[in-house]
Structures are given as C-alpha cells and as structure tokens.
Amino acid sequence: MGNYPKLLNLDTETEQSLLSYLNDE
C-alpha cells in the first residue's frame, strides 16, 4: 500500500497498471 501516482485521477492505462501491481503483490 504505497505510492500510487494520480490515485484520484486514474485513467484506464493507470488503472490497469495499478491492478497489475496489486495482483503481483
């Protein structure tokens, strides 16, 4: 649960990257 870039303004690409990061944990 760390540094999420533009957490309050996610676009699709960022959202997918974030989901991939969480799933990789």
C-alpha atoms as a PDB file:
ATOM      1  CA  MET A   1       0.000   0.000   0.000  1.00  0.00           C
ATOM      2  CA  GLY A   2       2.457   2.616  -1.191  1.00  0.00           C
ATOM      3  CA  ASN A   3       2.918   5.345  -3.767  1.00  0.00           C
ATOM      4  CA  TYR A   4       0.058   5.487  -6.251  1.00  0.00           C
ATOM      5  CA  PRO A   5       0.501   8.158  -8.954  1.00  0.00           C
ATOM      6  CA  LYS A   6      -2.630  10.253  -9.633  1.00  0.00           C
ATOM      7  CA  LEU A   7      -4.740   7.997  -7.416  1.00  0.00           C
ATOM      8  CA  LEU A   8      -7.665  10.418  -7.535  1.00  0.00           C
ATOM      9  CA  ASN A   9      -7.445  10.802 -11.321  1.00  0.00           C
ATOM     10  CA  LEU A  10      -6.975   7.325 -12.742  1.00  0.00           C
ATOM     11  CA  ASP A  11      -7.224   6.819 -16.449  1.00  0.00           C
ATOM     12  CA  THR A  12      -7.663   3.348 -17.925  1.00  0.00           C
ATOM     13  CA  GLU A  13      -3.975   2.701 -18.503  1.00  0.00           C
ATOM     14  CA  THR A  14      -3.005   3.793 -14.997  1.00  0.00           C
ATOM     15  CA  GLU A  15      -5.845   1.770 -13.510  1.00  0.00           C
ATOM     16  CA  GLN A  16      -4.703  -1.375 -15.314  1.00  0.00           C
ATOM     17  CA  SER A  17      -1.129  -0.777 -14.159  1.00  0.00           C
ATOM     18  CA  LEU A  18      -2.331  -0.360 -10.578  1.00  0.00           C
ATOM     19  CA  LEU A  19      -4.421  -3.521 -10.725  1.00  0.00           C
ATOM     20  CA  SER A  20      -1.468  -5.427 -12.145  1.00  0.00           C
ATOM     21  CA  TYR A  21       0.725  -4.097  -9.323  1.00  0.00           C
ATOM     22  CA  LEU A  22      -1.770  -5.149  -6.663  1.00  0.00           C
ATOM     23  CA  ASN A  23      -2.238  -8.586  -8.216  1.00  0.00           C
ATOM     24  CA  ASP A  24       1.534  -9.057  -8.327  1.00  0.00           C
ATOM     25  CA  GLU A  25       1.866  -8.461  -4.572  1.00  0.00           C
END
